[in-house]
C-alpha atoms as a PDB file:
ATOM      1  CA  MET A   1     -14.112 -28.181 -18.160  1.00  0.00           C
ATOM      2  CA  ARG A   2     -13.562 -24.522 -16.352  1.00  0.00           C
ATOM      3  CA  THR A   3     -13.082 -24.139 -13.207  1.00  0.00           C
ATOM      4  CA  ASN A   4     -14.010 -20.659 -11.704  1.00  0.00           C
ATOM      5  CA  PRO A   5     -10.404 -19.267  -9.977  1.00  0.00           C
ATOM      6  CA  ASP A   6     -10.474 -18.480  -6.285  1.00  0.00           C
ATOM      7  CA  PHE A   7      -9.289 -15.144  -5.418  1.00  0.00           C
ATOM      8  CA  SER A   8      -9.396 -14.815  -1.712  1.00  0.00           C
ATOM      9  CA  PRO A   9      -6.083 -15.311  -1.351  1.00  0.00           C
ATOM     10  CA  PHE A  10      -5.302 -12.405  -2.761  1.00  0.00           C
ATOM     11  CA  TYR A  11      -7.641 -10.140  -0.748  1.00  0.00           C
ATOM     12  CA  ARG A  12      -5.470 -11.226   2.051  1.00  0.00           C
ATOM     13  CA  SER A  13      -2.210  -9.320   0.884  1.00  0.00           C
ATOM     14  CA  SER A  14      -4.017  -6.457  -1.173  1.00  0.00           C
ATOM     15  CA  VAL A  15      -5.309  -3.428  -0.203  1.00  0.00           C
ATOM     16  CA  GLY A  16      -7.593  -1.124  -2.065  1.00  0.00           C
ATOM     17  CA  PHE A  17      -7.837  -4.039  -5.028  1.00  0.00           C
ATOM     18  CA  ASP A  18     -11.304  -5.269  -4.530  1.00  0.00           C
ATOM     19  CA  ARG A  19     -12.855  -3.983  -7.555  1.00  0.00           C
ATOM     20  CA  LEU A  20     -10.304  -5.578  -9.865  1.00  0.00           C
ATOM     21  CA  PHE A  21     -11.036  -9.099  -8.533  1.00  0.00           C
ATOM     22  CA  ASP A  22     -14.600  -8.337  -8.338  1.00  0.00           C
ATOM     23  CA  LEU A  23     -14.148  -7.748 -12.032  1.00  0.00           C
ATOM     24  CA  LEU A  24     -12.145 -11.110 -12.450  1.00  0.00           C
ATOM     25  CA  GLU A  25     -14.999 -13.083 -10.753  1.00  0.00           C
ATOM     26  CA  ASN A  26     -17.694 -11.599 -12.244  1.00  0.00           C
ATOM     27  CA  ALA A  27     -16.196 -12.096 -16.062  1.00  0.00           C
ATOM     28  CA  SER A  28     -15.772 -15.583 -14.956  1.00  0.00           C
ATOM     29  CA  LEU A  29     -19.318 -16.006 -13.809  1.00  0.00           C
ATOM     30  CA  ASN A  30     -20.414 -14.115 -16.948  1.00  0.00           C
ATOM     31  CA  ALA A  31     -20.103 -17.569 -19.513  1.00  0.00           C
ATOM     32  CA  ASP A  32     -23.413 -17.253 -21.286  1.00  0.00           C
ATOM     33  CA  ASN A  33     -23.216 -16.028 -24.282  1.00  0.00           C
ATOM     34  CA  TRP A  34     -26.349 -14.978 -25.134  1.00  0.00           C
ATOM     35  CA  PRO A  35     -27.552 -12.730 -26.992  1.00  0.00           C
ATOM     36  CA  PRO A  36     -24.569 -12.115 -29.029  1.00  0.00           C
ATOM     37  CA  TYR A  37     -23.149  -8.556 -28.952  1.00  0.00           C
ATOM     38  CA  ASN A  38     -20.426  -6.476 -30.495  1.00  0.00           C
ATOM     39  CA  ILE A  39     -18.270  -3.694 -28.951  1.00  0.00           C
ATOM     40  CA  ALA A  40     -16.852  -1.169 -30.995  1.00  0.00           C
ATOM     41  CA  LYS A  41     -14.559   1.676 -30.203  1.00  0.00           C
ATOM     42  CA  LEU A  42     -15.763   4.751 -32.470  1.00  0.00           C
ATOM     43  CA  GLY A  43     -13.017   7.291 -31.346  1.00  0.00           C
ATOM     44  CA  GLU A  44     -11.202   8.239 -28.665  1.00  0.00           C
ATOM     45  CA  ASP A  45     -13.687   8.519 -26.106  1.00  0.00           C
ATOM     46  CA  ALA A  46     -16.761   7.101 -27.758  1.00  0.00           C
ATOM     47  CA  TYR A  47     -17.830   3.292 -27.691  1.00  0.00           C
ATOM     48  CA  ARG A  48     -20.834   1.639 -29.066  1.00  0.00           C
ATOM     49  CA  ILE A  49     -22.370  -1.864 -28.135  1.00  0.00           C
ATOM     50  CA  ALA A  50     -24.947  -3.576 -30.601  1.00  0.00           C
ATOM     51  CA  ILE A  51     -26.694  -6.924 -28.861  1.00  0.00           C
ATOM     52  CA  ALA A  52     -28.704  -8.867 -30.939  1.00  0.00           C
ATOM     53  CA  VAL A  53     -32.433  -8.991 -30.002  1.00  0.00           C
ATOM     54  CA  ALA A  54     -34.221 -10.016 -32.695  1.00  0.00           C
ATOM     55  CA  GLY A  55     -38.160 -10.592 -31.713  1.00  0.00           C
ATOM     56  CA  PHE A  56     -38.127  -7.929 -28.775  1.00  0.00           C
ATOM     57  CA  ALA A  57     -39.676  -4.812 -28.925  1.00  0.00           C
ATOM     58  CA  GLU A  58     -38.780  -1.600 -27.158  1.00  0.00           C
ATOM     59  CA  HIS A  59     -41.162  -1.981 -24.335  1.00  0.00           C
ATOM     60  CA  GLU A  60     -39.849  -5.420 -23.549  1.00  0.00           C
ATOM     61  CA  LEU A  61     -36.198  -4.400 -23.243  1.00  0.00           C
ATOM     62  CA  THR A  62     -34.180  -2.300 -20.149  1.00  0.00           C
ATOM     63  CA  ILE A  63     -31.376  -0.556 -19.815  1.00  0.00           C
ATOM     64  CA  THR A  64     -30.194   0.435 -16.274  1.00  0.00           C
ATOM     65  CA  HIS A  65     -26.906   2.467 -15.570  1.00  0.00           C
ATOM     66  CA  GLU A  66     -25.719   2.185 -12.282  1.00  0.00           C
ATOM     67  CA  SER A  67     -22.317   2.556 -10.833  1.00  0.00           C
ATOM     68  CA  ASN A  68     -19.992   1.563 -13.702  1.00  0.00           C
ATOM     69  CA  MET A  69     -22.624  -1.184 -14.594  1.00  0.00           C
ATOM     70  CA  LEU A  70     -24.782  -1.526 -17.731  1.00  0.00           C
ATOM     71  CA  VAL A  71     -27.495  -3.984 -17.242  1.00  0.00           C
ATOM     72  CA  VAL A  72     -29.354  -4.785 -20.388  1.00  0.00           C
ATOM     73  CA  ASN A  73     -32.599  -6.858 -19.876  1.00  0.00           C
ATOM     74  CA  GLY A  74     -34.928  -8.309 -21.645  1.00  0.00           C
ATOM     75  CA  ALA A  75     -38.317 -10.232 -21.128  1.00  0.00           C
ATOM     76  CA  LYS A  76     -40.505 -11.383 -23.666  1.00  0.00           C
ATOM     77  CA  SER A  77     -44.468 -11.397 -23.100  1.00  0.00           C
ATOM     78  CA  GLU A  78     -46.152 -14.570 -23.183  1.00  0.00           C
ATOM     79  CA  ASP A  79     -48.753 -15.316 -25.707  1.00  0.00           C
ATOM     80  CA  GLU A  80     -50.209 -18.433 -24.750  1.00  0.00           C
ATOM     81  CA  GLU A  81     -52.828 -18.443 -28.059  1.00  0.00           C
ATOM     82  CA  VAL A  82     -49.793 -19.185 -30.221  1.00  0.00           C
ATOM     83  CA  GLN A  83     -49.309 -22.752 -30.941  1.00  0.00           C
ATOM     84  CA  TYR A  84     -45.836 -23.100 -32.491  1.00  0.00           C
ATOM     85  CA  LEU A  85     -45.000 -26.016 -34.953  1.00  0.00           C
ATOM     86  CA  HIS A  86     -41.426 -25.323 -34.771  1.00  0.00           C
ATOM     87  CA  HIS A  87     -39.793 -23.268 -31.906  1.00  0.00           C
ATOM     88  CA  GLY A  88     -36.424 -21.858 -33.052  1.00  0.00           C
ATOM     89  CA  LEU A  89     -36.366 -18.237 -32.076  1.00  0.00           C
ATOM     90  CA  ALA A  90     -34.245 -17.704 -28.672  1.00  0.00           C
ATOM     91  CA  LEU A  91     -36.551 -15.289 -27.164  1.00  0.00           C
ATOM     92  CA  ARG A  92     -35.937 -16.560 -23.456  1.00  0.00           C
ATOM     93  CA  PRO A  93     -35.623 -13.709 -20.959  1.00  0.00           C
ATOM     94  CA  PHE A  94     -32.098 -12.490 -20.597  1.00  0.00           C
ATOM     95  CA  ALA A  95     -29.720  -9.911 -18.728  1.00  0.00           C
ATOM     96  CA  ARG A  96     -26.351  -8.640 -20.136  1.00  0.00           C
ATOM     97  CA  LYS A  97     -24.056  -6.872 -17.781  1.00  0.00           C
ATOM     98  CA  PHE A  98     -20.938  -4.713 -18.831  1.00  0.00           C
ATOM     99  CA  GLU A  99     -18.708  -3.312 -16.691  1.00  0.00           C
ATOM    100  CA  LEU A 100     -17.949   0.418 -17.157  1.00  0.00           C
ATOM    101  CA  ALA A 101     -14.828   2.655 -16.776  1.00  0.00           C
ATOM    102  CA  ASP A 102     -15.148   5.332 -14.598  1.00  0.00           C
ATOM    103  CA  HIS A 103     -16.923   8.429 -15.972  1.00  0.00           C
ATOM    104  CA  VAL A 104     -18.357   6.432 -18.992  1.00  0.00           C
ATOM    105  CA  ILE A 105     -21.843   7.724 -19.450  1.00  0.00           C
ATOM    106  CA  VAL A 106     -24.705   6.318 -21.743  1.00  0.00           C
ATOM    107  CA  GLU A 107     -25.509   9.061 -24.512  1.00  0.00           C
ATOM    108  CA  GLY A 108     -28.458   7.168 -25.624  1.00  0.00           C
ATOM    109  CA  ALA A 109     -29.889   3.877 -27.270  1.00  0.00           C
ATOM    110  CA  LYS A 110     -31.791   3.035 -30.193  1.00  0.00           C
ATOM    111  CA  LEU A 111     -33.464  -0.386 -31.503  1.00  0.00           C
ATOM    112  CA  GLU A 112     -32.804  -0.737 -35.102  1.00  0.00           C
ATOM    113  CA  ASN A 113     -33.296  -3.968 -37.325  1.00  0.00           C
ATOM    114  CA  GLY A 114     -33.170  -6.192 -34.473  1.00  0.00           C
ATOM    115  CA  LEU A 115     -29.766  -4.732 -33.047  1.00  0.00           C
ATOM    116  CA  LEU A 116     -30.128  -2.997 -29.598  1.00  0.00           C
ATOM    117  CA  VAL A 117     -27.600  -0.114 -30.495  1.00  0.00           C
ATOM    118  CA  ILE A 118     -26.467   1.764 -27.032  1.00  0.00           C
ATOM    119  CA  ASP A 119     -23.596   4.692 -27.685  1.00  0.00           C
ATOM    120  CA  LEU A 120     -21.485   5.470 -24.729  1.00  0.00           C
ATOM    121  CA  LYS A 121     -18.987   8.220 -23.941  1.00  0.00           C
ATOM    122  CA  LYS A 122     -16.131   8.702 -21.520  1.00  0.00           C
ATOM    123  CA  GLU A 123     -16.160  12.214 -20.035  1.00  0.00           C
ATOM    124  CA  ILE A 124     -13.529  13.035 -17.784  1.00  0.00           C
ATOM    125  CA  PRO A 125     -14.227  15.733 -15.119  1.00  0.00           C
ATOM    126  CA  GLU A 126     -12.217  18.950 -15.843  1.00  0.00           C
ATOM    127  CA  GLU A 127     -10.778  18.666 -12.472  1.00  0.00           C
ATOM    128  CA  MET A 128      -9.233  15.235 -13.222  1.00  0.00           C
ATOM    129  CA  LYS A 129      -7.917  15.792 -16.684  1.00  0.00           C
ATOM    130  CA  PRO A 130      -4.157  16.157 -16.714  1.00  0.00           C
ATOM    131  CA  ARG A 131      -2.933  19.736 -16.365  1.00  0.00           C
ATOM    132  CA  ARG A 132       0.411  20.980 -17.625  1.00  0.00           C
ATOM    133  CA  ILE A 133       2.601  22.589 -14.506  1.00  0.00           C
ATOM    134  CA  ALA A 134       4.583  25.782 -15.319  1.00  0.00           C
ATOM    135  CA  ILE A 135       8.057  25.740 -14.344  1.00  0.00           C
ATOM    136  CA  HIS A 136       9.528  29.067 -13.133  1.00  0.00           C
ATOM    137  CA  THR A 137      13.571  29.138 -13.853  1.00  0.00           C
ATOM    138  CA  GLU A 138      13.962  33.077 -12.198  1.00  0.00           C
ATOM    139  CA  MET A 139      14.197  32.488  -8.217  1.00  0.00           C
ATOM    140  CA  ALA A 140      12.230  35.267  -6.377  1.00  0.00           C
ATOM    141  CA  LYS A 141      14.794  37.614  -5.268  1.00  0.00           C
ATOM    142  CA  PRO A 142      13.894  38.311  -1.373  1.00  0.00           C
ATOM    143  CA  ALA A 143      12.558  41.543  -0.307  1.00  0.00           C
ATOM    144  CA  SER A 144      14.875  44.072   0.682  1.00  0.00           C
ATOM    145  CA  LYS A 145      14.128  45.556   4.148  1.00  0.00           C
ATOM    146  CA  GLN A 146      14.435  49.331   4.181  1.00  0.00           C
ATOM    147  CA  ILE A 147      15.333  50.451   7.802  1.00  0.00           C
ATOM    148  CA  GLU A 148      13.186  53.690   8.959  1.00  0.00           C
ATOM    149  CA  GLY A 149      15.782  55.906   9.507  1.00  0.00           C
ATOM    150  CA  ASP A 150      17.061  56.072   5.301  1.00  0.00           C
ATOM    151  CA  LYS A 151      13.289  56.825   3.972  1.00  0.00           C
ATOM    152  CA  ALA A 152      13.084  59.962   2.155  1.00  0.00           C
ATOM    153  CA  ALA A 153      11.002  62.219   3.299  1.00  0.00           C
END
């Protein structure tokens, strides 16, 4: 039996960690493992999510990217004229959510051989990248003051 942890005591004693606790709560609520998926790291800042969506067409799938959340929905249109003798394919509607880190963008998506492949890339803005600060070893000499009478004419 799995119980969901209560994070409310941590909310009382922490400031600014709300997003972290929301992530933990959402991870425990997202226990449905359908449809199956893979997450692969392709490079330093490149990722790929592959979701098994066999039986779904492009128009039956939607991908939404909104503020650090990637949501993939699938809804199969019902064909009332078909009478199944055996219905073994899991074609039920689904909503799969992926929490994304800051500055992760969706580069593209394709449906290929029953897999929905979504490519992601982390693009940190130039002003947020670490930069090296030069250290000057020579101390600046104070400007010498010149008395007006000593000026050469």
